[in-house]
Amino acid sequence: MRARRIVQTGAFDPQDVERLQAAFEAAWLQVEATVPEREREAAREYLATVVVSAGNVSDLDAEELATVAVRTFLSIRTGTQSLP
């Protein structure tokens, strides 16, 4: 699955990979129902990118990182924030 590879690539130590994967899974559980079936794979990839980006520049734990990722993901999907 491409989303999992996004989380696992990069210069992360095993603890960071575990933190990012936990954050991704927690965030996905919160947003999955908001994503139409046909858009889920692309949404998972985008969410993984958000998690890795936020995790790369912060020391947030998995729960905090999931909260940031969900907020960012939903704000972009609802158009309250423009894509970079």
N, C-alpha and C. Protein backbone atom coordinates (compact mmCIF):
# COMPACT_ATOMS: atom_id res chain seq x y z
N MET A 1 0.85 -1.17 0.00
CA MET A 1 0.00 0.00 0.00
C MET A 1 0.89 1.23 0.00
N ARG A 2 0.64 2.14 -0.91
CA ARG A 2 1.50 3.31 -1.09
C ARG A 2 1.52 4.21 0.14
N ALA A 3 0.41 4.39 0.83
CA ALA A 3 0.37 5.24 2.02
C ALA A 3 1.34 4.72 3.07
N ARG A 4 1.40 3.43 3.25
CA ARG A 4 2.32 2.84 4.23
C ARG A 4 3.77 3.09 3.83
N ARG A 5 4.07 2.99 2.53
CA ARG A 5 5.44 3.25 2.07
C ARG A 5 5.83 4.70 2.32
N ILE A 6 4.88 5.62 2.15
CA ILE A 6 5.17 7.04 2.40
C ILE A 6 5.58 7.23 3.85
N VAL A 7 4.87 6.60 4.76
CA VAL A 7 5.18 6.73 6.18
C VAL A 7 6.52 6.08 6.50
N GLN A 8 6.86 4.98 5.84
CA GLN A 8 8.06 4.24 6.18
C GLN A 8 9.33 4.74 5.51
N THR A 9 9.21 5.60 4.50
CA THR A 9 10.40 6.09 3.82
C THR A 9 10.91 7.36 4.49
N GLY A 10 12.15 7.64 4.23
CA GLY A 10 12.74 8.83 4.80
C GLY A 10 13.77 8.47 5.85
N ALA A 11 14.30 9.50 6.45
CA ALA A 11 15.37 9.32 7.42
C ALA A 11 14.80 9.27 8.83
N PHE A 12 14.00 8.26 9.08
CA PHE A 12 13.37 8.11 10.39
C PHE A 12 13.93 6.89 11.09
N ASP A 13 14.13 7.02 12.39
CA ASP A 13 14.55 5.84 13.14
C ASP A 13 13.32 4.99 13.42
N PRO A 14 13.52 3.76 13.89
CA PRO A 14 12.37 2.86 14.09
C PRO A 14 11.29 3.42 15.02
N GLN A 15 11.67 4.17 16.04
CA GLN A 15 10.67 4.76 16.94
C GLN A 15 9.83 5.81 16.22
N ASP A 16 10.48 6.59 15.35
CA ASP A 16 9.74 7.59 14.58
C ASP A 16 8.78 6.93 13.60
N VAL A 17 9.23 5.85 12.94
CA VAL A 17 8.36 5.14 12.02
C VAL A 17 7.14 4.62 12.76
N GLU A 18 7.36 4.05 13.94
CA GLU A 18 6.25 3.55 14.75
C GLU A 18 5.29 4.68 15.13
N ARG A 19 5.84 5.82 15.52
CA ARG A 19 5.02 7.00 15.89
C ARG A 19 4.22 7.49 14.68
N LEU A 20 4.87 7.57 13.53
CA LEU A 20 4.18 8.04 12.32
C LEU A 20 3.09 7.06 11.89
N GLN A 21 3.38 5.77 11.95
CA GLN A 21 2.37 4.78 11.56
C GLN A 21 1.17 4.83 12.52
N ALA A 22 1.43 4.96 13.81
CA ALA A 22 0.34 5.04 14.78
C ALA A 22 -0.49 6.30 14.54
N ALA A 23 0.18 7.41 14.26
CA ALA A 23 -0.53 8.66 13.99
C ALA A 23 -1.37 8.54 12.72
N PHE A 24 -0.78 7.94 11.69
CA PHE A 24 -1.51 7.77 10.43
C PHE A 24 -2.76 6.91 10.63
N GLU A 25 -2.60 5.77 11.27
CA GLU A 25 -3.74 4.87 11.48
C GLU A 25 -4.84 5.54 12.31
N ALA A 26 -4.45 6.26 13.36
CA ALA A 26 -5.43 6.95 14.20
C ALA A 26 -6.14 8.05 13.40
N ALA A 27 -5.38 8.79 12.61
CA ALA A 27 -5.97 9.86 11.80
C ALA A 27 -6.91 9.28 10.75
N TRP A 28 -6.49 8.19 10.09
CA TRP A 28 -7.33 7.59 9.05
C TRP A 28 -8.66 7.11 9.63
N LEU A 29 -8.62 6.52 10.80
CA LEU A 29 -9.87 6.08 11.43
C LEU A 29 -10.84 7.24 11.63
N GLN A 30 -10.30 8.43 11.86
CA GLN A 30 -11.15 9.59 12.09
C GLN A 30 -11.70 10.19 10.80
N VAL A 31 -10.98 10.04 9.69
CA VAL A 31 -11.42 10.71 8.46
C VAL A 31 -11.98 9.76 7.40
N GLU A 32 -11.76 8.48 7.55
CA GLU A 32 -12.16 7.52 6.52
C GLU A 32 -13.62 7.68 6.08
N ALA A 33 -14.52 7.85 7.01
CA ALA A 33 -15.94 7.95 6.68
C ALA A 33 -16.28 9.21 5.89
N THR A 34 -15.38 10.20 5.89
CA THR A 34 -15.64 11.44 5.17
C THR A 34 -15.19 11.38 3.72
N VAL A 35 -14.53 10.27 3.34
CA VAL A 35 -13.94 10.15 2.01
C VAL A 35 -14.73 9.16 1.18
N PRO A 36 -15.21 9.58 0.00
CA PRO A 36 -15.91 8.65 -0.89
C PRO A 36 -15.00 7.47 -1.25
N GLU A 37 -15.58 6.31 -1.40
CA GLU A 37 -14.84 5.08 -1.68
C GLU A 37 -13.84 5.26 -2.82
N ARG A 38 -14.26 5.88 -3.90
CA ARG A 38 -13.42 6.01 -5.08
C ARG A 38 -12.21 6.92 -4.85
N GLU A 39 -12.22 7.71 -3.78
CA GLU A 39 -11.13 8.64 -3.49
C GLU A 39 -10.24 8.17 -2.34
N ARG A 40 -10.52 7.01 -1.79
CA ARG A 40 -9.84 6.59 -0.55
C ARG A 40 -8.34 6.38 -0.71
N GLU A 41 -7.91 5.74 -1.77
CA GLU A 41 -6.47 5.49 -1.90
C GLU A 41 -5.71 6.82 -2.02
N ALA A 42 -6.20 7.73 -2.83
CA ALA A 42 -5.55 9.04 -2.97
C ALA A 42 -5.59 9.80 -1.64
N ALA A 43 -6.70 9.70 -0.94
CA ALA A 43 -6.82 10.38 0.35
C ALA A 43 -5.85 9.79 1.37
N ARG A 44 -5.69 8.47 1.37
CA ARG A 44 -4.74 7.84 2.28
C ARG A 44 -3.31 8.31 1.98
N GLU A 45 -2.98 8.41 0.71
CA GLU A 45 -1.65 8.89 0.33
C GLU A 45 -1.45 10.33 0.79
N TYR A 46 -2.45 11.15 0.58
CA TYR A 46 -2.33 12.55 1.00
C TYR A 46 -2.21 12.64 2.52
N LEU A 47 -3.02 11.89 3.24
CA LEU A 47 -2.96 11.90 4.70
C LEU A 47 -1.59 11.43 5.18
N ALA A 48 -1.04 10.40 4.56
CA ALA A 48 0.29 9.92 4.92
C ALA A 48 1.33 11.02 4.71
N THR A 49 1.20 11.76 3.63
CA THR A 49 2.12 12.87 3.36
C THR A 49 1.99 13.94 4.43
N VAL A 50 0.78 14.24 4.84
CA VAL A 50 0.55 15.22 5.91
C VAL A 50 1.19 14.75 7.21
N VAL A 51 1.00 13.48 7.54
CA VAL A 51 1.57 12.94 8.79
C VAL A 51 3.09 13.01 8.75
N VAL A 52 3.69 12.58 7.65
CA VAL A 52 5.14 12.60 7.55
C VAL A 52 5.67 14.03 7.60
N SER A 53 5.02 14.93 6.90
CA SER A 53 5.46 16.33 6.91
C SER A 53 5.41 16.92 8.31
N ALA A 54 4.30 16.73 8.99
CA ALA A 54 4.16 17.28 10.34
C ALA A 54 5.10 16.56 11.31
N GLY A 55 5.27 15.27 11.13
CA GLY A 55 6.15 14.51 12.01
C GLY A 55 7.61 14.84 11.79
N ASN A 56 7.93 15.28 10.61
CA ASN A 56 9.30 15.62 10.25
C ASN A 56 9.76 16.91 10.92
N VAL A 57 8.84 17.79 11.24
CA VAL A 57 9.21 19.09 11.79
C VAL A 57 8.74 19.28 13.23
N SER A 58 8.32 18.21 13.88
CA SER A 58 7.83 18.34 15.24
C SER A 58 8.20 17.12 16.07
N ASP A 59 8.10 17.28 17.35
CA ASP A 59 8.30 16.16 18.27
C ASP A 59 6.98 15.73 18.89
N LEU A 60 5.89 15.95 18.17
CA LEU A 60 4.58 15.57 18.68
C LEU A 60 4.49 14.06 18.85
N ASP A 61 3.77 13.62 19.88
CA ASP A 61 3.54 12.19 20.02
C ASP A 61 2.50 11.77 18.99
N ALA A 62 2.24 10.48 18.89
CA ALA A 62 1.34 9.95 17.86
C ALA A 62 -0.06 10.55 17.95
N GLU A 63 -0.57 10.69 19.15
CA GLU A 63 -1.92 11.24 19.33
C GLU A 63 -1.99 12.70 18.89
N GLU A 64 -1.00 13.48 19.30
CA GLU A 64 -0.97 14.90 18.90
C GLU A 64 -0.78 15.04 17.40
N LEU A 65 0.08 14.21 16.85
CA LEU A 65 0.33 14.24 15.42
C LEU A 65 -0.92 13.85 14.63
N ALA A 66 -1.66 12.87 15.10
CA ALA A 66 -2.91 12.48 14.45
C ALA A 66 -3.90 13.63 14.47
N THR A 67 -3.98 14.35 15.59
CA THR A 67 -4.89 15.50 15.70
C THR A 67 -4.53 16.57 14.68
N VAL A 68 -3.25 16.88 14.57
CA VAL A 68 -2.79 17.89 13.60
C VAL A 68 -3.10 17.41 12.18
N ALA A 69 -2.84 16.14 11.90
CA ALA A 69 -3.06 15.61 10.55
C ALA A 69 -4.54 15.64 10.17
N VAL A 70 -5.40 15.26 11.10
CA VAL A 70 -6.85 15.29 10.83
C VAL A 70 -7.31 16.71 10.57
N ARG A 71 -6.89 17.63 11.41
CA ARG A 71 -7.30 19.03 11.25
C ARG A 71 -6.83 19.57 9.89
N THR A 72 -5.59 19.29 9.53
CA THR A 72 -5.06 19.75 8.25
C THR A 72 -5.79 19.10 7.08
N PHE A 73 -5.95 17.79 7.13
CA PHE A 73 -6.62 17.05 6.08
C PHE A 73 -8.05 17.56 5.86
N LEU A 74 -8.80 17.68 6.94
CA LEU A 74 -10.20 18.12 6.81
C LEU A 74 -10.30 19.57 6.37
N SER A 75 -9.41 20.42 6.82
CA SER A 75 -9.49 21.82 6.41
C SER A 75 -9.20 21.96 4.92
N ILE A 76 -8.30 21.17 4.41
CA ILE A 76 -8.01 21.22 2.97
C ILE A 76 -9.15 20.61 2.17
N ARG A 77 -9.71 19.51 2.65
CA ARG A 77 -10.83 18.87 1.93
C ARG A 77 -12.08 19.74 1.91
N THR A 78 -12.27 20.53 2.94
CA THR A 78 -13.47 21.38 2.97
C THR A 78 -13.20 22.78 2.40
N GLY A 79 -11.96 22.99 1.95
CA GLY A 79 -11.65 24.24 1.28
C GLY A 79 -11.40 25.43 2.19
N THR A 80 -11.16 25.19 3.48
CA THR A 80 -10.88 26.31 4.37
C THR A 80 -9.40 26.65 4.40
N GLN A 81 -8.61 25.88 3.68
CA GLN A 81 -7.19 26.16 3.57
C GLN A 81 -6.79 25.78 2.16
N SER A 82 -5.95 26.58 1.54
CA SER A 82 -5.55 26.26 0.18
C SER A 82 -4.40 25.27 0.19
N LEU A 83 -4.33 24.47 -0.84
CA LEU A 83 -3.22 23.53 -1.00
C LEU A 83 -1.94 24.31 -1.21
N PRO A 84 -0.84 23.79 -0.68
CA PRO A 84 0.44 24.48 -0.87
C PRO A 84 0.85 24.51 -2.32
